[in-house]
Amino acid sequence: MATRYRAEHVGSLLRPPELVQAHADHQFDRDQRRALEDKHIKRVLERQSEVGLKIFTDGEFRRRNFMSDFNDSVQGIDEGDTLPRTWEAGATGASTQPMSVPGIVVGKIKQLKRLTQHEVGFMKRHSPGDIKITLPTANQFPAISYKRGVTDRFYSTHSALLWDIVPIIKAEIQALMKEGVQYVQIDAPRYSYYIDPKWRNYIKSEMGVDPEQALEEAIRADNACIEGAGRPDVTLAIHLCRGNNRSQWYAEGGYDAIAEKLFGQLEVNAFLLEYESERAGTFEPLRCVPRGKMVVLGLVSSKLPNLESPGQLARRIEEASRYVPLENLALSPQCGFASTLEGNLLTEDEQWRKLELVVQTAARVWGRE
């Protein structure tokens, strides 16, 4: 599959302070907040066009975090409770600190409404080009929302919860296909659990599952969600990251441990992969990517404000082309700029300079296609 988009971004953009405040301040009613969202989405759509991007998102401005559309669309999740996680605060200079993303399963999951219909309608009216809609992987929720003593009253295992979520994500993807969305991206940070020894141990000790069996089930679940969605005019992609919250991360390690199974078995046509730091390992695992599938190299940091060297980016793309043909490569930041409401530790101006760099480097490497 030859890409239509050499320069990409992962989806989320930094929210302006007044929009962050509107989500945090309950004095704003729904209509007031929607008006602010509309105003700022129009603005960032224009900016994406100005920097030269050909694929557009709403910056996830209507969400509290990259997966809140799911939480808001179902019954059975309590956002007043959390599971703690230890994050590596590399961008802040600290070593580690606890941080949690809210949402514990406290009952049977039941869908109440569509996940992204409210986002798609506005984008179809205002986007200057092709639309990307992002969705969380079904695998996200058993990993971070299953609390022993609470969730196990309704789901005896993590697996039981997972397979109750799969039909919801699948139905949303099918609906996006019918609505003519050109790009659907599944955000799947939980695959990083299988590349980091400490998280593999967590799967074994806390989740009570063999990591290799869990990996195989995760791939089956994502494939079940996208079954029947493949079309030549649609990019169906998955994005893998190692955590992205206030410029922090929680996992490290190369793709070696998952490359053969994930790249060989997952029925997407594009992989968006973090490669901005040594924590991501080498390009060698890309040898497992089947011919014809796209790899979007996340070589530009969305965590740090310093601007990468265009020459160094071009050299790294050339290095990756030893494993995947240049025609099947593209370039992006390694993750979104704001997977959570507060966003990463850089300014909006720095964010847009990063995206300009992606576009300019892509033109340098592939020409202006």
Protein backbone atom coordinates (compact mmCIF):
# COMPACT_ATOMS: atom_id res chain seq x y z
CA MET A 1 0.00 0.00 0.00
CA ALA A 2 1.60 3.28 -1.10
CA THR A 3 0.68 6.06 1.33
CA ARG A 4 -1.16 9.25 0.47
CA TYR A 5 0.39 10.90 3.52
CA ARG A 6 4.18 11.15 3.84
CA ALA A 7 3.87 13.70 6.65
CA GLU A 8 1.62 12.61 9.50
CA HIS A 9 0.73 13.37 13.08
CA VAL A 10 -0.67 11.02 15.68
CA GLY A 11 -3.83 12.97 16.44
CA SER A 12 -3.87 14.97 19.65
CA LEU A 13 -2.76 18.61 19.79
CA LEU A 14 -2.12 20.93 22.71
CA ARG A 15 -5.35 22.46 24.01
CA PRO A 16 -5.38 26.23 24.61
CA PRO A 17 -5.65 27.21 28.30
CA GLU A 18 -9.27 28.37 28.05
CA LEU A 19 -10.31 25.00 26.67
CA VAL A 20 -8.43 23.15 29.43
CA GLN A 21 -10.24 25.37 31.93
CA ALA A 22 -13.61 24.74 30.29
CA HIS A 23 -13.18 20.98 30.71
CA ALA A 24 -12.02 21.34 34.30
CA ASP A 25 -14.49 24.02 35.44
CA HIS A 26 -18.02 22.73 35.99
CA GLN A 27 -19.35 26.30 35.74
CA PHE A 28 -19.16 25.93 31.96
CA ASP A 29 -22.30 24.31 30.62
CA ARG A 30 -22.26 21.88 27.70
CA ASP A 31 -23.17 24.48 25.06
CA GLN A 32 -20.52 26.94 26.25
CA ARG A 33 -17.85 24.26 26.15
CA ARG A 34 -18.98 23.04 22.73
CA ALA A 35 -18.73 26.59 21.34
CA LEU A 36 -15.15 26.85 22.62
CA GLU A 37 -14.29 23.46 21.16
CA ASP A 38 -15.74 24.44 17.79
CA LYS A 39 -13.78 27.69 17.72
CA HIS A 40 -10.46 26.10 18.53
CA ILE A 41 -10.95 23.07 16.28
CA LYS A 42 -11.52 25.41 13.33
CA ARG A 43 -8.32 27.23 14.27
CA VAL A 44 -6.16 24.09 14.43
CA LEU A 45 -7.64 22.75 11.19
CA GLU A 46 -6.43 25.94 9.52
CA ARG A 47 -3.00 25.59 11.14
CA GLN A 48 -2.66 21.99 9.98
CA SER A 49 -3.38 23.14 6.46
CA GLU A 50 -0.95 26.06 6.74
CA VAL A 51 1.96 23.81 7.76
CA GLY A 52 1.24 21.54 4.79
CA LEU A 53 -0.41 18.48 6.32
CA LYS A 54 -2.80 16.48 4.11
CA ILE A 55 -4.52 14.50 6.88
CA PHE A 56 -6.52 16.33 9.53
CA THR A 57 -7.77 15.73 13.08
CA ASP A 58 -9.70 17.86 15.55
CA GLY A 59 -6.75 17.59 17.94
CA GLU A 60 -8.94 15.43 20.22
CA PHE A 61 -10.18 18.77 21.64
CA ARG A 62 -13.52 17.28 22.67
CA ARG A 63 -11.83 14.64 24.85
CA ARG A 64 -10.32 14.69 28.34
CA ASN A 65 -7.80 12.09 27.21
CA PHE A 66 -7.30 9.90 24.17
CA MET A 67 -9.80 7.27 25.37
CA SER A 68 -12.46 9.38 27.12
CA ASP A 69 -14.88 9.01 24.20
CA PHE A 70 -15.19 5.36 25.17
CA ASN A 71 -15.71 6.10 28.88
CA ASP A 72 -18.39 8.66 28.02
CA SER A 73 -20.23 6.26 25.72
CA VAL A 74 -20.69 3.30 28.05
CA GLN A 75 -22.24 2.37 31.33
CA GLY A 76 -20.04 0.59 33.89
CA ILE A 77 -16.96 2.83 34.26
CA ASP A 78 -16.33 5.05 37.30
CA GLU A 79 -13.89 7.88 36.58
CA GLY A 80 -13.71 8.69 40.29
CA ASP A 81 -11.45 5.69 40.84
CA THR A 82 -8.05 4.78 39.38
CA LEU A 83 -5.25 2.25 39.34
CA PRO A 84 -1.84 3.80 40.16
CA ARG A 85 0.98 3.68 37.62
CA THR A 86 4.62 4.68 37.92
CA TRP A 87 5.72 7.00 35.13
CA GLU A 88 9.27 7.84 34.08
CA ALA A 89 9.51 11.62 34.14
CA GLY A 90 12.34 11.88 31.65
CA ALA A 91 11.37 15.25 30.24
CA THR A 92 11.08 16.87 33.66
CA GLY A 93 14.42 15.71 34.99
CA ALA A 94 12.87 13.59 37.75
CA SER A 95 13.27 9.81 37.83
CA THR A 96 9.81 8.41 38.49
CA GLN A 97 6.50 9.57 39.88
CA PRO A 98 3.04 8.05 40.34
CA MET A 99 0.24 9.11 38.03
CA SER A 100 -3.10 7.59 37.12
CA VAL A 101 -5.60 7.87 34.30
CA PRO A 102 -9.13 7.71 35.72
CA GLY A 103 -11.66 5.01 34.99
CA ILE A 104 -12.35 1.72 36.78
CA VAL A 105 -14.87 -0.85 35.57
CA VAL A 106 -17.52 -1.04 38.29
CA GLY A 107 -20.26 -2.91 36.42
CA LYS A 108 -21.11 -4.68 33.21
CA ILE A 109 -20.07 -2.62 30.20
CA LYS A 110 -23.10 -1.49 28.23
CA GLN A 111 -22.93 0.91 25.29
CA LEU A 112 -25.20 3.95 25.58
CA LYS A 113 -24.21 5.92 22.46
CA ARG A 114 -21.71 6.15 19.60
CA LEU A 115 -18.12 7.06 20.51
CA THR A 116 -17.16 9.62 17.87
CA GLN A 117 -20.30 10.62 15.97
CA HIS A 118 -20.23 14.10 17.55
CA GLU A 119 -16.65 14.56 16.32
CA VAL A 120 -17.12 13.23 12.79
CA GLY A 121 -20.04 15.46 11.85
CA PHE A 122 -18.15 18.66 12.62
CA MET A 123 -15.00 17.42 10.89
CA LYS A 124 -16.92 16.53 7.71
CA ARG A 125 -18.27 20.08 7.59
CA HIS A 126 -15.01 21.89 8.32
CA SER A 127 -11.96 19.77 7.53
CA PRO A 128 -9.90 21.12 4.59
CA GLY A 129 -8.95 17.58 3.57
CA ASP A 130 -8.97 13.91 4.53
CA ILE A 131 -10.07 13.11 8.08
CA LYS A 132 -8.34 10.95 10.66
CA ILE A 133 -10.35 9.65 13.62
CA THR A 134 -8.52 8.00 16.52
CA LEU A 135 -9.93 5.24 18.74
CA PRO A 136 -8.48 3.44 21.76
CA THR A 137 -7.70 -0.23 21.38
CA ALA A 138 -10.04 -2.58 23.21
CA ASN A 139 -6.91 -3.88 24.96
CA GLN A 140 -6.51 -0.59 26.80
CA PHE A 141 -9.27 -1.17 29.30
CA PRO A 142 -8.51 -4.58 30.87
CA ALA A 143 -4.94 -3.35 31.41
CA ILE A 144 -5.75 -0.14 33.29
CA SER A 145 -9.42 -0.35 34.34
CA TYR A 146 -9.61 -3.79 35.97
CA LYS A 147 -9.42 -3.44 39.76
CA ARG A 148 -9.42 -6.56 41.89
CA GLY A 149 -12.16 -6.53 44.50
CA VAL A 150 -14.27 -4.29 42.27
CA THR A 151 -14.20 -5.32 38.61
CA ASP A 152 -14.01 -9.05 39.33
CA ARG A 153 -17.52 -8.92 40.77
CA PHE A 154 -18.72 -8.47 37.18
CA TYR A 155 -15.87 -9.95 35.09
CA SER A 156 -14.07 -12.96 36.49
CA THR A 157 -11.04 -12.36 34.25
CA HIS A 158 -9.38 -9.56 32.27
CA SER A 159 -10.17 -11.57 29.16
CA ALA A 160 -13.91 -11.56 29.88
CA LEU A 161 -13.86 -7.77 30.09
CA LEU A 162 -11.82 -7.49 26.89
CA TRP A 163 -14.28 -9.46 24.79
CA ASP A 164 -17.22 -7.39 26.06
CA ILE A 165 -15.45 -4.28 24.73
CA VAL A 166 -14.44 -5.66 21.32
CA PRO A 167 -17.95 -5.40 19.74
CA ILE A 168 -18.19 -1.73 20.76
CA ILE A 169 -14.92 -0.76 19.08
CA LYS A 170 -15.77 -2.90 16.04
CA ALA A 171 -19.15 -1.22 15.62
CA GLU A 172 -17.53 2.22 15.82
CA ILE A 173 -14.99 1.36 13.13
CA GLN A 174 -17.76 0.04 10.88
CA ALA A 175 -19.74 3.24 11.41
CA LEU A 176 -16.72 5.37 10.49
CA MET A 177 -16.31 3.37 7.29
CA LYS A 178 -19.93 4.08 6.36
CA GLU A 179 -19.46 7.78 7.11
CA GLY A 180 -16.60 8.00 4.63
CA VAL A 181 -13.76 8.69 7.07
CA GLN A 182 -10.50 8.24 5.16
CA TYR A 183 -8.25 7.27 8.09
CA VAL A 184 -8.97 5.29 11.26
CA GLN A 185 -6.17 4.99 13.79
CA ILE A 186 -6.25 2.61 16.76
CA ASP A 187 -4.14 3.86 19.67
CA ALA A 188 -2.56 0.87 21.37
CA PRO A 189 -0.04 1.79 24.07
CA ARG A 190 -0.60 -1.50 25.91
CA TYR A 191 1.56 -3.44 23.45
CA SER A 192 4.47 -1.77 25.25
CA TYR A 193 3.72 -4.12 28.17
CA TYR A 194 5.16 -6.96 26.09
CA ILE A 195 8.48 -5.25 25.30
CA ASP A 196 9.44 -4.11 28.79
CA PRO A 197 10.51 -6.78 31.34
CA LYS A 198 8.90 -5.00 34.28
CA TRP A 199 5.55 -4.87 32.53
CA ARG A 200 5.80 -8.45 31.29
CA ASN A 201 6.23 -9.36 34.95
CA TYR A 202 3.16 -7.26 35.78
CA ILE A 203 1.10 -9.25 33.26
CA LYS A 204 2.24 -12.46 34.88
CA SER A 205 2.04 -11.48 38.55
CA GLU A 206 -0.84 -8.99 38.64
CA MET A 207 -3.00 -10.03 35.71
CA GLY A 208 -2.26 -13.74 36.18
CA VAL A 209 -1.64 -14.41 32.48
CA ASP A 210 1.32 -15.70 30.51
CA PRO A 211 2.67 -12.67 28.56
CA GLU A 212 2.90 -14.54 25.24
CA GLN A 213 -0.65 -15.81 25.56
CA ALA A 214 -1.79 -12.31 26.49
CA LEU A 215 -0.01 -10.87 23.43
CA GLU A 216 -1.69 -13.39 21.14
CA GLU A 217 -5.09 -12.58 22.63
CA ALA A 218 -4.46 -8.84 22.26
CA ILE A 219 -3.74 -9.30 18.55
CA ARG A 220 -6.86 -11.46 18.14
CA ALA A 221 -8.94 -8.78 19.86
CA ASP A 222 -7.64 -5.95 17.65
CA ASN A 223 -8.13 -8.09 14.54
CA ALA A 224 -11.70 -8.84 15.63
CA CYS A 225 -12.32 -5.09 15.95
CA ILE A 226 -11.12 -4.33 12.43
CA GLU A 227 -12.55 -7.42 10.74
CA GLY A 228 -14.32 -6.45 7.55
CA ALA A 229 -13.12 -2.84 7.67
CA GLY A 230 -10.26 -3.08 5.16
CA ARG A 231 -10.82 -0.95 2.04
CA PRO A 232 -8.33 0.29 -0.54
CA ASP A 233 -9.46 3.90 -0.08
CA VAL A 234 -9.11 3.87 3.73
CA THR A 235 -5.98 3.85 5.87
CA LEU A 236 -6.50 1.50 8.80
CA ALA A 237 -3.59 2.01 11.19
CA ILE A 238 -2.40 1.22 14.67
CA HIS A 239 -0.20 3.45 16.79
CA LEU A 240 2.15 1.97 19.39
CA CYS A 241 3.72 4.07 22.13
CA ARG A 242 5.39 3.65 25.51
CA GLY A 243 3.27 6.14 27.44
CA ASN A 244 2.59 9.82 26.86
CA ASN A 245 1.41 11.91 29.80
CA ARG A 246 2.86 15.35 30.61
CA SER A 247 6.02 14.42 28.64
CA GLN A 248 6.44 11.24 30.68
CA TRP A 249 6.61 7.59 29.71
CA TYR A 250 6.18 4.29 31.51
CA ALA A 251 7.83 1.62 29.32
CA GLU A 252 10.98 1.09 27.31
CA GLY A 253 12.45 -1.47 24.97
CA GLY A 254 12.68 -2.28 21.27
CA TYR A 255 9.99 -3.98 19.20
CA ASP A 256 12.01 -7.21 18.97
CA ALA A 257 9.86 -9.19 21.42
CA ILE A 258 6.61 -8.50 19.56
CA ALA A 259 7.72 -7.84 15.96
CA GLU A 260 7.11 -11.24 14.41
CA LYS A 261 3.65 -11.75 15.88
CA LEU A 262 2.42 -8.16 15.83
CA PHE A 263 3.68 -7.05 12.43
CA GLY A 264 2.97 -10.42 10.85
CA GLN A 265 -0.53 -11.02 12.21
CA LEU A 266 -2.21 -7.66 12.82
CA GLU A 267 -4.55 -6.91 9.92
CA VAL A 268 -3.91 -3.17 9.63
CA ASN A 269 -2.23 -1.58 6.64
CA ALA A 270 -0.09 0.94 8.56
CA PHE A 271 1.96 0.96 11.76
CA LEU A 272 2.76 4.25 13.51
CA LEU A 273 5.82 3.51 15.62
CA GLU A 274 7.75 5.47 18.23
CA TYR A 275 11.39 5.86 17.27
CA GLU A 276 12.42 9.21 18.72
CA SER A 277 14.80 7.91 21.41
CA GLU A 278 17.05 5.00 22.32
CA ARG A 279 14.19 3.62 24.43
CA ALA A 280 12.58 2.39 21.18
CA GLY A 281 15.50 0.21 20.12
CA THR A 282 16.73 -0.29 16.57
CA PHE A 283 15.02 -0.48 13.18
CA GLU A 284 15.94 -4.15 12.79
CA PRO A 285 12.53 -5.49 13.95
CA LEU A 286 11.01 -3.76 10.91
CA ARG A 287 12.27 -6.69 8.86
CA CYS A 288 9.11 -8.47 10.09
CA VAL A 289 6.75 -5.94 8.49
CA PRO A 290 5.05 -7.62 5.49
CA ARG A 291 5.74 -6.19 2.06
CA GLY A 292 3.28 -3.51 1.09
CA LYS A 293 2.37 -2.38 4.60
CA MET A 294 3.22 1.15 5.68
CA VAL A 295 5.47 2.16 8.56
CA VAL A 296 5.15 5.72 9.85
CA LEU A 297 8.40 6.51 11.65
CA GLY A 298 7.82 8.54 14.83
CA LEU A 299 11.22 10.22 14.78
CA VAL A 300 10.19 13.66 16.04
CA SER A 301 9.59 14.03 19.78
CA SER A 302 6.23 15.34 20.96
CA LYS A 303 7.58 15.32 24.52
CA LEU A 304 10.58 17.65 24.24
CA PRO A 305 10.63 21.19 22.81
CA ASN A 306 14.03 21.08 21.11
CA LEU A 307 13.78 20.83 17.33
CA GLU A 308 15.36 17.83 15.63
CA SER A 309 17.92 18.16 12.84
CA PRO A 310 16.40 17.75 9.35
CA GLY A 311 19.58 16.07 8.16
CA GLN A 312 19.57 13.60 11.02
CA LEU A 313 15.90 12.77 10.37
CA ALA A 314 16.67 12.12 6.70
CA ARG A 315 19.57 9.85 7.66
CA ARG A 316 17.39 7.86 10.04
CA ILE A 317 14.71 7.42 7.39
CA GLU A 318 17.41 6.14 5.04
CA GLU A 319 18.55 3.70 7.74
CA ALA A 320 14.99 2.41 8.21
CA SER A 321 14.69 1.90 4.44
CA ARG A 322 17.16 -1.00 4.75
CA TYR A 323 14.28 -2.95 6.28
CA VAL A 324 11.16 -1.37 4.73
CA PRO A 325 11.21 0.10 1.19
CA LEU A 326 11.33 3.89 1.17
CA GLU A 327 8.04 3.98 -0.73
CA ASN A 328 6.38 2.31 2.26
CA LEU A 329 7.71 4.75 4.86
CA ALA A 330 6.37 8.04 6.18
CA LEU A 331 7.27 10.45 9.00
CA SER A 332 5.49 11.75 12.11
CA PRO A 333 6.01 12.79 15.73
CA GLN A 334 6.43 9.78 17.98
CA CYS A 335 3.08 10.36 19.74
CA GLY A 336 0.39 12.96 20.18
CA PHE A 337 1.15 16.29 21.80
CA ALA A 338 -1.68 15.92 24.32
CA SER A 339 -2.80 12.37 25.01
CA THR A 340 -4.25 13.86 28.18
CA LEU A 341 -6.04 17.18 28.64
CA GLU A 342 -3.09 19.05 30.14
CA GLY A 343 -0.72 18.08 27.32
CA ASN A 344 3.03 17.68 27.08
CA LEU A 345 5.60 20.18 28.31
CA LEU A 346 6.11 22.36 25.26
CA THR A 347 4.36 25.38 23.79
CA GLU A 348 1.90 25.55 20.91
CA ASP A 349 4.49 27.39 18.83
CA GLU A 350 6.98 24.60 19.49
CA GLN A 351 4.33 22.04 18.53
CA TRP A 352 3.67 23.71 15.18
CA ARG A 353 7.40 24.03 14.45
CA LYS A 354 7.67 20.29 15.02
CA LEU A 355 4.85 19.63 12.55
CA GLU A 356 6.39 22.01 10.00
CA LEU A 357 9.63 20.07 10.37
CA VAL A 358 7.79 16.80 9.66
CA VAL A 359 6.26 18.25 6.48
CA GLN A 360 9.51 19.83 5.29
CA THR A 361 11.55 16.68 5.95
CA ALA A 362 9.00 14.51 4.15
CA ALA A 363 9.21 16.81 1.13
CA ARG A 364 13.02 16.61 1.25
CA VAL A 365 13.02 12.80 1.37
CA TRP A 366 10.09 11.89 -0.90
CA GLY A 367 9.49 15.07 -2.84
CA ARG A 368 6.20 16.93 -2.90
CA GLU A 369 3.82 14.14 -3.87
